[in-house]
Amino acid sequence: MSTAATTPRGVPDASVARLPGYLRALTAMSQDGTASVSSEELASAAGVSSAMLRKDLSYLGSYGVRGVGYDVGRLASEIASALGLTKDWPVAIVGMGNLGRALAAYRGFAERGFRVIALLDHDDRVVGEEVAGRAVRPMTDLEVLVEDHGLAIGVIATPPEGAQAACDRLLAAGVRSVLNFAAVVLAVPPEVTVRNVDLSTELQILAFHGHRGDVAEAVAP
């Protein structure tokens, strides 16, 4: 039996993490007028192997047609449905520092089905300020946002020292999905889903690969 983490629907987390890449490639193909695509072509566009692609899509019940491949529009719809993108997801961004302000101005949220309904901060000097066309609201508005507007996802863009407190406020208000940009591990109960985006860690990984490449060049005959 596999010990890989899976979602409640039985799809491995690693496969779920690759689905947005497939959807992005399919969307670009659809915009270019492509009606069907082979597994090899889609895998190449998404940056994975064709075997991995076919295995990932098999969890969704999509196997393609031999000699024809996948219907681009239909497969994009199936993946969007599996990802829960057939409806808008209300999002609040917590922390209006430089990163929070940049996220508030990011248009990609709306283009991908995520509707930013509020910008929040605990600092009274920031509350009321207009950022990206919205007035910054106090953290005390969280309960109203959940009850009246269905707030589903909290994006934490605070400094590391304030991230846990921000997370606790989100959870107390009823939010159960958190995207964390702070470089800190959040303590949450099992029913809460947290995705961490640590930019410094990603840069360190790139530095590792760059350093390894430099070493390989230095020892090459």
Protein backbone atom coordinates (compact mmCIF):
# COMPACT_ATOMS: atom_id res chain seq x y z
CA MET A 1 0.00 0.00 0.00
CA SER A 2 1.25 3.46 -0.86
CA THR A 3 2.08 5.73 2.05
CA ALA A 4 1.84 8.90 -0.08
CA ALA A 5 -0.51 11.55 1.26
CA THR A 6 -3.87 11.68 -0.47
CA THR A 7 -6.85 13.99 -0.56
CA PRO A 8 -10.25 12.87 0.78
CA ARG A 9 -11.14 11.86 -2.80
CA GLY A 10 -8.17 9.50 -2.93
CA VAL A 11 -6.00 11.57 -5.27
CA PRO A 12 -2.35 11.80 -4.11
CA ASP A 13 -1.33 15.29 -3.01
CA ALA A 14 1.55 15.21 -5.49
CA SER A 15 -0.91 14.63 -8.34
CA VAL A 16 -3.18 17.44 -7.12
CA ALA A 17 -0.16 19.77 -7.09
CA ARG A 18 0.41 19.08 -10.80
CA LEU A 19 -3.20 19.57 -11.91
CA PRO A 20 -2.96 23.40 -12.08
CA GLY A 21 -0.02 23.03 -14.47
CA TYR A 22 -2.08 20.81 -16.75
CA LEU A 23 -4.98 23.24 -16.61
CA ARG A 24 -2.72 26.18 -17.43
CA ALA A 25 -1.31 24.35 -20.46
CA LEU A 26 -4.77 23.30 -21.64
CA THR A 27 -6.10 26.85 -21.28
CA ALA A 28 -3.27 28.17 -23.46
CA MET A 29 -3.97 25.46 -26.06
CA SER A 30 -7.67 26.26 -26.08
CA GLN A 31 -6.92 29.94 -26.63
CA ASP A 32 -4.73 28.95 -29.59
CA GLY A 33 -7.60 26.95 -31.09
CA THR A 34 -6.21 23.47 -30.33
CA ALA A 35 -9.05 20.92 -30.13
CA SER A 36 -7.15 17.79 -29.08
CA VAL A 37 -3.76 17.01 -27.61
CA SER A 38 -1.71 13.86 -27.11
CA SER A 39 -0.41 12.90 -23.68
CA GLU A 40 3.14 13.52 -24.92
CA GLU A 41 2.30 17.03 -26.11
CA LEU A 42 0.44 17.96 -22.93
CA ALA A 43 3.15 16.46 -20.72
CA SER A 44 5.81 18.47 -22.55
CA ALA A 45 3.78 21.68 -22.18
CA ALA A 46 3.35 21.01 -18.45
CA GLY A 47 6.97 19.97 -17.87
CA VAL A 48 6.32 16.37 -16.73
CA SER A 49 6.71 12.91 -18.23
CA SER A 50 3.86 11.46 -20.27
CA ALA A 51 3.69 8.46 -17.89
CA MET A 52 3.24 10.77 -14.92
CA LEU A 53 0.60 12.78 -16.78
CA ARG A 54 -1.42 9.69 -17.68
CA LYS A 55 -1.25 8.40 -14.10
CA ASP A 56 -2.36 11.76 -12.67
CA LEU A 57 -5.29 12.03 -15.08
CA SER A 58 -6.34 8.45 -14.43
CA TYR A 59 -7.31 9.50 -10.89
CA LEU A 60 -9.88 11.77 -12.52
CA GLY A 61 -11.15 9.01 -14.78
CA SER A 62 -9.62 10.62 -17.88
CA TYR A 63 -7.74 8.23 -20.17
CA GLY A 64 -7.92 9.89 -23.58
CA VAL A 65 -8.60 8.12 -26.89
CA ARG A 66 -5.92 6.04 -28.58
CA GLY A 67 -4.71 7.79 -31.72
CA VAL A 68 -6.63 10.95 -30.86
CA GLY A 69 -5.51 11.98 -27.40
CA TYR A 70 -7.47 14.23 -25.05
CA ASP A 71 -10.23 16.66 -25.94
CA VAL A 72 -8.71 19.95 -24.75
CA GLY A 73 -11.95 21.65 -23.70
CA ARG A 74 -13.38 18.62 -21.96
CA LEU A 75 -10.18 17.79 -20.07
CA ALA A 76 -9.79 21.41 -18.96
CA SER A 77 -13.37 21.33 -17.66
CA GLU A 78 -12.75 18.04 -15.79
CA ILE A 79 -9.59 19.37 -14.14
CA ALA A 80 -11.26 22.67 -13.24
CA SER A 81 -14.12 20.74 -11.66
CA ALA A 82 -11.72 18.48 -9.71
CA LEU A 83 -9.91 21.57 -8.40
CA GLY A 84 -13.20 23.15 -7.34
CA LEU A 85 -12.84 26.02 -9.81
CA THR A 86 -16.40 25.86 -11.09
CA LYS A 87 -17.31 28.55 -8.54
CA ASP A 88 -15.66 31.68 -7.16
CA TRP A 89 -13.71 31.29 -3.92
CA PRO A 90 -13.84 34.31 -1.58
CA VAL A 91 -10.34 35.23 -0.36
CA ALA A 92 -9.01 37.65 2.26
CA ILE A 93 -5.41 38.86 2.35
CA VAL A 94 -4.02 39.48 5.83
CA GLY A 95 -1.09 41.85 6.22
CA MET A 96 -0.70 45.00 4.17
CA GLY A 97 3.07 45.26 4.04
CA ASN A 98 4.91 45.27 0.71
CA LEU A 99 4.04 41.66 -0.08
CA GLY A 100 0.39 42.02 0.92
CA ARG A 101 0.02 45.10 -1.26
CA ALA A 102 1.58 43.31 -4.20
CA LEU A 103 -0.80 40.38 -3.75
CA ALA A 104 -3.75 42.75 -3.48
CA ALA A 105 -2.87 44.18 -6.91
CA TYR A 106 -2.35 40.75 -8.51
CA ARG A 107 -4.97 40.19 -11.23
CA GLY A 108 -4.31 36.46 -11.49
CA PHE A 109 -6.57 35.69 -8.52
CA ALA A 110 -9.75 36.75 -10.31
CA GLU A 111 -8.66 35.15 -13.58
CA ARG A 112 -8.40 31.79 -11.83
CA GLY A 113 -11.62 31.88 -9.84
CA PHE A 114 -10.45 33.48 -6.60
CA ARG A 115 -12.30 36.63 -5.58
CA VAL A 116 -10.47 38.88 -3.11
CA ILE A 117 -13.24 40.23 -0.90
CA ALA A 118 -11.15 41.91 1.79
CA LEU A 119 -7.73 43.25 2.74
CA LEU A 120 -7.03 43.05 6.47
CA ASP A 121 -4.48 44.39 8.93
CA HIS A 122 -4.27 44.73 12.72
CA ASP A 123 -2.47 48.08 12.59
CA ASP A 124 -4.86 51.00 13.16
CA ARG A 125 -2.52 53.22 11.13
CA VAL A 126 -3.12 51.02 8.07
CA VAL A 127 -6.83 50.27 8.55
CA GLY A 128 -8.91 52.53 6.32
CA GLU A 129 -6.08 53.10 3.85
CA GLU A 130 -6.93 52.30 0.23
CA VAL A 131 -4.88 49.55 -1.40
CA ALA A 132 -5.52 48.35 -4.96
CA GLY A 133 -8.91 50.05 -4.89
CA ARG A 134 -10.07 48.55 -1.57
CA ALA A 135 -10.13 49.99 1.92
CA VAL A 136 -8.08 47.98 4.41
CA ARG A 137 -10.34 46.48 7.07
CA PRO A 138 -9.59 45.55 10.70
CA MET A 139 -9.09 41.93 11.75
CA THR A 140 -12.28 42.20 13.81
CA ASP A 141 -14.24 42.07 10.52
CA LEU A 142 -13.26 38.43 9.96
CA GLU A 143 -16.36 36.90 11.52
CA VAL A 144 -18.64 39.07 9.36
CA LEU A 145 -16.67 38.17 6.24
CA VAL A 146 -17.14 34.46 6.96
CA GLU A 147 -20.80 34.66 7.94
CA ASP A 148 -22.04 37.17 5.37
CA HIS A 149 -19.66 36.68 2.45
CA GLY A 150 -18.57 33.05 2.74
CA LEU A 151 -14.88 33.81 3.20
CA ALA A 152 -13.18 30.50 2.44
CA ILE A 153 -9.43 31.14 2.08
CA GLY A 154 -7.10 33.31 4.10
CA VAL A 155 -3.81 34.49 2.59
CA ILE A 156 -1.22 35.37 5.23
CA ALA A 157 1.29 37.99 4.09
CA THR A 158 2.41 39.20 7.52
CA PRO A 159 5.96 39.19 8.92
CA PRO A 160 6.87 35.77 10.42
CA GLU A 161 6.35 36.95 13.99
CA GLY A 162 2.73 37.87 13.29
CA ALA A 163 1.76 34.89 11.13
CA GLN A 164 0.57 32.51 13.88
CA ALA A 165 -1.63 35.16 15.45
CA ALA A 166 -3.12 35.96 12.05
CA CYS A 167 -3.71 32.27 11.41
CA ASP A 168 -5.37 31.84 14.82
CA ARG A 169 -7.74 34.73 14.05
CA LEU A 170 -8.66 33.19 10.69
CA LEU A 171 -9.35 29.79 12.26
CA ALA A 172 -11.39 31.31 15.09
CA ALA A 173 -13.58 33.01 12.50
CA GLY A 174 -14.18 29.71 10.69
CA VAL A 175 -11.65 29.78 7.83
CA ARG A 176 -10.25 26.31 7.15
CA SER A 177 -7.90 26.94 4.19
CA VAL A 178 -4.77 29.07 4.52
CA LEU A 179 -2.11 30.15 2.03
CA ASN A 180 0.92 31.17 4.07
CA PHE A 181 3.64 33.43 2.64
CA ALA A 182 5.33 33.95 6.00
CA ALA A 183 8.57 32.04 6.57
CA VAL A 184 7.27 30.17 9.60
CA VAL A 185 5.60 26.83 10.28
CA LEU A 186 2.02 27.37 11.43
CA ALA A 187 0.42 25.22 14.12
CA VAL A 188 -3.07 24.23 12.99
CA PRO A 189 -5.54 21.42 13.77
CA PRO A 190 -5.78 18.44 11.37
CA GLU A 191 -8.95 19.68 9.65
CA VAL A 192 -7.22 22.86 8.45
CA THR A 193 -5.31 22.89 5.15
CA VAL A 194 -2.20 25.08 4.93
CA ARG A 195 -0.10 25.66 1.83
CA ASN A 196 3.23 27.37 2.40
CA VAL A 197 4.92 29.65 -0.13
CA ASP A 198 8.41 30.42 1.17
CA LEU A 199 10.21 32.52 -1.44
CA SER A 200 13.53 32.45 0.43
CA THR A 201 13.49 28.65 0.53
CA GLU A 202 12.84 28.46 -3.20
CA LEU A 203 15.78 30.79 -3.82
CA GLN A 204 17.98 28.63 -1.61
CA ILE A 205 17.00 25.55 -3.64
CA LEU A 206 17.92 27.40 -6.83
CA ALA A 207 21.22 28.41 -5.24
CA PHE A 208 21.88 24.75 -4.39
CA HIS A 209 21.38 23.67 -8.00
CA GLY A 210 23.43 26.59 -9.28
CA HIS A 211 26.25 25.75 -6.87
CA ARG A 212 26.15 22.09 -7.90
CA GLY A 213 26.43 23.16 -11.53
CA ASP A 214 29.43 25.37 -10.72
CA VAL A 215 31.11 22.47 -8.92
CA ALA A 216 30.47 20.13 -11.85
CA GLU A 217 32.06 22.62 -14.27
CA ALA A 218 35.06 23.06 -11.98
CA VAL A 219 35.85 19.34 -11.84
CA ALA A 220 35.02 18.58 -15.49
CA PRO A 221 38.07 17.56 -17.55
